[in-house]
Amino acid sequence: MNEIPEVDIVVPVRNEEHDLAPSVTRLVGYLRDDFPFTARVTIADNGSTDNTWLAARSLEKAFPEVRAVHLDLAGRGRALHQVWSSSDAELLAYMDVDLSTDLNALLPLVAPLLSGHSDIAIGTRLAHGSRVIRGPKREIISRCYNLLLRVALRVRFSDAQCGFKAIRASQARQLLPLVADSGWFFDTELLVLAERAGLRIHEVPVDWTDDTDSRVDIVDTALRDLHGMARVGLGLARGTIKVPPLALRESVYAKSAALTAPGPTASHSLGGRR
């Protein structure tokens, strides 16, 4: 793909040699047949020790919409941070390789961002209209985690952990240098900082089916998330984490752009998105 895509969809992977090709093939098929915006799929292999990287390179050769990026060190947050920081797309997104979230939610996820209505969009499994299939253990842990976030950090978004999110690149460039976590807490930290910066977070109810073959260590991940929550909470309370008022800055920029935009008598026309 030579043209700059409107949406860059990152799929972070580590030791996913068996699931990668079927999932990316399915995603590319959806983008070609049902997605009205130009899109790139970036496979971000972070620290795989199996044949995941070989599979990623094969997919890159097979599909012009796909590119593969390799990181020596593991960490979903590290992978997203690196790829998003260097992306040339207008909108940055990511989804889990198991495609637990129904792909029909992708357009409702990105449309409010591309239209300028919102700054960040997240899939939520905890809102009215969501359809979720998962075991009681994961359900309880997820609800307790998000409840603790609302109590401890006073967040208003409902589901921090769903692996289905998007952000406008202009906002990501401001927030990414502030995000310290390189693992699973990365997107929770990003959302907390975004909300503190006054950005608009759009929630999309999703159909979500639990991956029974998931190799995520729930206990270890939960402990790391609690540590991250405490770190961010203390940093915000003590002022060591300083979040700029991005909503105000964006508003000023939009107003300035409107004042300097060419009027209806200009010799060129403003085309719409395809």
Protein backbone atom coordinates (compact mmCIF):
# COMPACT_ATOMS: atom_id res chain seq x y z
CA MET A 1 0.00 0.00 0.00
CA ASN A 2 1.63 3.21 -1.21
CA GLU A 3 -1.04 5.72 -0.23
CA ILE A 4 -1.28 6.99 3.33
CA PRO A 5 -4.18 5.13 4.98
CA GLU A 6 -6.88 6.87 6.97
CA VAL A 7 -6.81 4.11 9.61
CA ASP A 8 -3.83 2.11 10.88
CA ILE A 9 -5.06 -1.03 12.69
CA VAL A 10 -2.34 -2.54 14.88
CA VAL A 11 -2.52 -6.21 15.86
CA PRO A 12 0.00 -6.83 18.68
CA VAL A 13 1.15 -10.45 18.77
CA ARG A 14 3.49 -12.64 20.75
CA ASN A 15 3.81 -16.35 20.01
CA GLU A 16 0.68 -16.48 17.85
CA GLU A 17 1.99 -18.48 14.90
CA HIS A 18 -1.20 -20.56 14.58
CA ASP A 19 -3.86 -17.85 14.97
CA LEU A 20 -2.15 -15.00 13.12
CA ALA A 21 -2.74 -15.96 9.47
CA PRO A 22 -6.45 -16.89 9.80
CA SER A 23 -7.22 -13.75 11.82
CA VAL A 24 -5.36 -11.31 9.57
CA THR A 25 -6.82 -12.92 6.43
CA ARG A 26 -10.30 -12.51 7.89
CA LEU A 27 -9.58 -8.89 8.87
CA VAL A 28 -8.24 -7.99 5.42
CA GLY A 29 -11.32 -9.54 3.83
CA TYR A 30 -13.57 -7.41 6.01
CA LEU A 31 -11.63 -4.24 5.20
CA ARG A 32 -11.81 -4.92 1.46
CA ASP A 33 -15.51 -5.81 1.37
CA ASP A 34 -17.21 -3.85 4.16
CA PHE A 35 -15.02 -0.97 5.34
CA PRO A 36 -15.47 2.39 3.55
CA PHE A 37 -12.14 3.96 4.59
CA THR A 38 -8.58 3.22 3.50
CA ALA A 39 -6.83 1.07 6.09
CA ARG A 40 -3.54 -0.62 6.88
CA VAL A 41 -3.08 -3.64 9.13
CA THR A 42 0.17 -3.50 11.10
CA ILE A 43 1.25 -6.74 12.74
CA ALA A 44 3.41 -5.81 15.74
CA ASP A 45 5.39 -8.89 16.78
CA ASN A 46 6.77 -8.21 20.23
CA GLY A 47 9.27 -10.74 21.50
CA SER A 48 7.94 -13.91 19.87
CA THR A 49 10.03 -17.04 20.25
CA ASP A 50 8.08 -19.22 17.79
CA ASN A 51 7.39 -18.72 14.07
CA THR A 52 5.10 -15.71 14.51
CA TRP A 53 7.54 -13.36 12.77
CA LEU A 54 7.81 -15.66 9.75
CA ALA A 55 4.01 -15.79 9.55
CA ALA A 56 3.83 -12.00 9.81
CA ARG A 57 6.34 -11.56 6.96
CA SER A 58 4.39 -14.02 4.79
CA LEU A 59 1.18 -12.04 5.35
CA GLU A 60 3.02 -8.81 4.50
CA LYS A 61 4.03 -10.33 1.16
CA ALA A 62 0.57 -11.74 0.49
CA PHE A 63 -1.50 -8.59 1.18
CA PRO A 64 -0.59 -5.02 0.17
CA GLU A 65 -2.67 -3.73 3.11
CA VAL A 66 -0.46 -5.52 5.64
CA ARG A 67 2.90 -4.55 7.07
CA ALA A 68 4.94 -6.34 9.72
CA VAL A 69 6.97 -4.73 12.50
CA HIS A 70 9.29 -6.63 14.83
CA LEU A 71 10.27 -5.68 18.38
CA ASP A 72 12.83 -7.70 20.32
CA LEU A 73 11.19 -7.01 23.67
CA ALA A 74 7.75 -8.24 24.72
CA GLY A 75 4.92 -5.96 25.78
CA ARG A 76 1.61 -5.03 24.17
CA GLY A 77 1.95 -1.45 25.35
CA ARG A 78 5.51 -1.23 24.04
CA ALA A 79 4.35 -2.46 20.63
CA LEU A 80 1.44 -0.02 20.43
CA HIS A 81 3.59 2.87 21.62
CA GLN A 82 6.24 2.27 18.95
CA VAL A 83 3.89 1.66 16.03
CA TRP A 84 1.46 4.44 16.88
CA SER A 85 4.30 6.94 17.41
CA SER A 86 5.65 6.36 13.91
CA SER A 87 2.39 5.88 12.00
CA ASP A 88 1.40 8.29 9.25
CA ALA A 89 -2.33 7.51 9.45
CA GLU A 90 -4.97 9.98 10.58
CA LEU A 91 -6.49 7.45 12.97
CA LEU A 92 -4.75 4.78 15.06
CA ALA A 93 -6.53 1.64 16.24
CA TYR A 94 -5.75 -1.76 17.65
CA MET A 95 -7.46 -5.09 18.18
CA ASP A 96 -6.52 -8.41 19.71
CA VAL A 97 -5.33 -11.11 17.33
CA ASP A 98 -8.05 -13.54 18.43
CA LEU A 99 -10.70 -11.15 17.01
CA SER A 100 -12.88 -11.71 20.07
CA THR A 101 -14.71 -8.50 19.15
CA ASP A 102 -17.06 -8.79 16.18
CA LEU A 103 -15.57 -6.87 13.24
CA ASN A 104 -18.92 -5.21 12.54
CA ALA A 105 -18.09 -2.89 15.46
CA LEU A 106 -15.04 -1.47 13.66
CA LEU A 107 -16.92 1.10 11.59
CA PRO A 108 -18.93 2.43 14.59
CA LEU A 109 -15.60 2.62 16.45
CA VAL A 110 -13.73 4.78 13.95
CA ALA A 111 -16.51 6.84 12.33
CA PRO A 112 -16.96 9.33 15.25
CA LEU A 113 -13.20 9.96 15.25
CA LEU A 114 -12.84 10.49 11.53
CA SER A 115 -15.81 12.87 11.59
CA GLY A 116 -14.25 14.88 14.43
CA HIS A 117 -17.05 14.08 16.86
CA SER A 118 -14.78 12.29 19.37
CA ASP A 119 -11.09 11.90 20.18
CA ILE A 120 -10.90 8.30 21.42
CA ALA A 121 -13.24 5.35 20.92
CA ILE A 122 -13.35 2.14 22.91
CA GLY A 123 -15.27 -1.08 22.64
CA THR A 124 -17.20 -1.89 25.79
CA ARG A 125 -18.52 -5.23 26.99
CA LEU A 126 -20.24 -3.66 29.98
CA ALA A 127 -22.75 -1.36 28.30
CA HIS A 128 -26.39 -1.92 27.42
CA GLY A 129 -26.49 -3.55 24.00
CA SER A 130 -23.26 -5.51 24.39
CA ARG A 131 -23.42 -9.26 23.84
CA VAL A 132 -20.71 -11.11 25.72
CA ILE A 133 -19.84 -14.79 25.96
CA ARG A 134 -17.24 -15.51 28.62
CA GLY A 135 -16.77 -17.48 31.82
CA PRO A 136 -17.87 -16.19 35.24
CA LYS A 137 -14.27 -15.82 36.51
CA ARG A 138 -13.28 -13.36 33.78
CA GLU A 139 -16.60 -11.57 34.04
CA ILE A 140 -16.18 -10.96 37.77
CA ILE A 141 -12.54 -9.87 37.45
CA SER A 142 -13.40 -7.44 34.64
CA ARG A 143 -16.31 -5.85 36.49
CA CYS A 144 -14.31 -5.53 39.73
CA TYR A 145 -11.37 -3.98 37.89
CA ASN A 146 -13.49 -1.37 36.17
CA LEU A 147 -15.39 -0.63 39.38
CA LEU A 148 -12.08 -0.09 41.18
CA LEU A 149 -10.98 2.28 38.42
CA ARG A 150 -14.14 4.34 38.81
CA VAL A 151 -13.75 4.52 42.58
CA ALA A 152 -9.99 5.07 42.79
CA LEU A 153 -9.36 7.26 39.75
CA ARG A 154 -12.89 8.60 39.20
CA VAL A 155 -13.00 7.61 35.55
CA ARG A 156 -16.27 7.69 33.61
CA PHE A 157 -15.57 5.15 30.85
CA SER A 158 -17.01 1.70 31.45
CA ASP A 159 -14.52 -0.86 30.07
CA ALA A 160 -10.78 -0.20 30.13
CA GLN A 161 -9.61 -3.66 29.14
CA CYS A 162 -11.47 -4.48 25.93
CA GLY A 163 -8.84 -5.03 23.22
CA PHE A 164 -10.61 -2.83 20.69
CA LYS A 165 -9.74 0.87 20.71
CA ALA A 166 -8.96 3.80 18.43
CA ILE A 167 -7.52 7.29 18.86
CA ARG A 168 -6.94 10.28 16.61
CA ALA A 169 -3.24 10.50 15.73
CA SER A 170 -3.05 14.18 16.68
CA GLN A 171 -4.12 13.33 20.22
CA ALA A 172 -1.96 10.22 20.44
CA ARG A 173 1.14 12.27 19.71
CA GLN A 174 0.39 14.40 22.78
CA LEU A 175 -0.51 11.54 25.12
CA LEU A 176 1.94 8.76 24.25
CA PRO A 177 5.01 10.47 25.83
CA LEU A 178 3.07 10.55 29.13
CA VAL A 179 2.24 6.83 29.17
CA ALA A 180 4.82 4.85 31.14
CA ASP A 181 3.43 1.30 31.04
CA SER A 182 4.69 -1.08 28.36
CA GLY A 183 2.39 -4.00 29.14
CA TRP A 184 -1.31 -4.70 29.59
CA PHE A 185 -1.99 -1.54 31.63
CA PHE A 186 -0.94 0.65 28.70
CA ASP A 187 -4.40 1.36 27.32
CA THR A 188 -5.94 1.88 30.77
CA GLU A 189 -3.27 4.48 31.51
CA LEU A 190 -3.85 6.11 28.12
CA LEU A 191 -7.59 6.37 28.79
CA VAL A 192 -7.12 7.81 32.27
CA LEU A 193 -4.77 10.50 30.96
CA ALA A 194 -7.03 11.23 27.99
CA GLU A 195 -10.01 11.77 30.25
CA ARG A 196 -7.97 14.03 32.52
CA ALA A 197 -6.94 16.00 29.42
CA GLY A 198 -10.60 16.62 28.64
CA LEU A 199 -10.77 14.46 25.52
CA ARG A 200 -14.05 13.00 24.34
CA ILE A 201 -14.23 9.21 24.74
CA HIS A 202 -16.83 7.44 22.63
CA GLU A 203 -18.01 3.99 23.75
CA VAL A 204 -19.25 1.31 21.36
CA PRO A 205 -21.17 -1.71 22.71
CA VAL A 206 -19.62 -4.81 21.16
CA ASP A 207 -20.38 -8.46 20.58
CA TRP A 208 -17.51 -10.24 22.27
CA THR A 209 -16.63 -13.94 22.57
CA ASP A 210 -13.99 -15.04 25.04
CA ASP A 211 -10.93 -16.78 23.62
CA THR A 212 -10.79 -20.08 25.51
CA ASP A 213 -7.17 -20.56 24.34
CA SER A 214 -5.97 -17.29 25.87
CA ARG A 215 -2.55 -17.58 27.52
CA VAL A 216 -2.82 -14.39 29.54
CA ASP A 217 -1.89 -14.95 33.19
CA ILE A 218 -4.93 -13.40 34.85
CA VAL A 219 -3.47 -13.17 38.37
CA ASP A 220 -0.14 -11.68 37.23
CA THR A 221 -1.91 -9.24 34.91
CA ALA A 222 -4.30 -8.18 37.68
CA LEU A 223 -1.42 -7.49 40.07
CA ARG A 224 0.43 -5.44 37.44
CA ASP A 225 -2.76 -3.50 36.72
CA LEU A 226 -3.23 -2.70 40.42
CA HIS A 227 0.37 -1.50 40.60
CA GLY A 228 -0.19 0.67 37.53
CA MET A 229 -3.40 2.07 38.98
CA ALA A 230 -1.60 3.03 42.20
CA ARG A 231 1.30 4.59 40.27
CA VAL A 232 -0.96 6.72 38.09
CA GLY A 233 -3.23 7.70 40.98
CA LEU A 234 -0.30 8.85 43.11
CA GLY A 235 1.33 10.62 40.18
CA LEU A 236 -1.81 12.59 39.43
CA ALA A 237 -2.39 13.41 43.10
CA ARG A 238 1.20 14.57 43.69
CA GLY A 239 1.46 16.43 40.40
CA THR A 240 4.35 14.34 39.07
CA ILE A 241 2.14 13.33 36.16
CA LYS A 242 1.11 16.53 34.40
CA VAL A 243 -1.61 16.25 31.77
CA PRO A 244 -2.04 19.18 29.36
CA PRO A 245 -5.60 20.39 28.58
CA LEU A 246 -5.72 18.84 25.13
CA ALA A 247 -9.42 19.50 24.53
CA LEU A 248 -8.82 23.24 24.86
CA ARG A 249 -5.77 23.08 22.60
CA GLU A 250 -7.71 21.16 19.94
CA SER A 251 -10.56 23.64 20.14
CA VAL A 252 -8.20 26.58 19.62
CA TYR A 253 -6.56 24.79 16.69
CA ALA A 254 -9.92 24.04 15.06
CA LYS A 255 -11.03 27.66 15.46
CA SER A 256 -7.77 28.93 13.97
CA ALA A 257 -8.07 26.51 11.04
CA ALA A 258 -11.63 27.64 10.38
CA LEU A 259 -10.57 31.30 10.30
CA THR A 260 -7.78 30.65 7.82
CA ALA A 261 -9.66 28.17 5.62
CA PRO A 262 -10.37 29.27 2.01
CA GLY A 263 -13.83 30.62 1.36
CA PRO A 264 -16.34 29.45 -1.26
CA THR A 265 -14.73 31.65 -3.93
CA ALA A 266 -11.40 29.84 -3.70
CA SER A 267 -10.13 28.33 -6.93
CA HIS A 268 -9.83 24.79 -5.47
CA SER A 269 -12.57 22.58 -4.09
CA LEU A 270 -12.62 20.56 -0.86
CA GLY A 271 -13.34 16.95 -1.71
CA GLY A 272 -15.12 14.55 0.63
CA ARG A 273 -13.83 11.26 1.94
CA ARG A 274 -14.40 8.39 -0.37
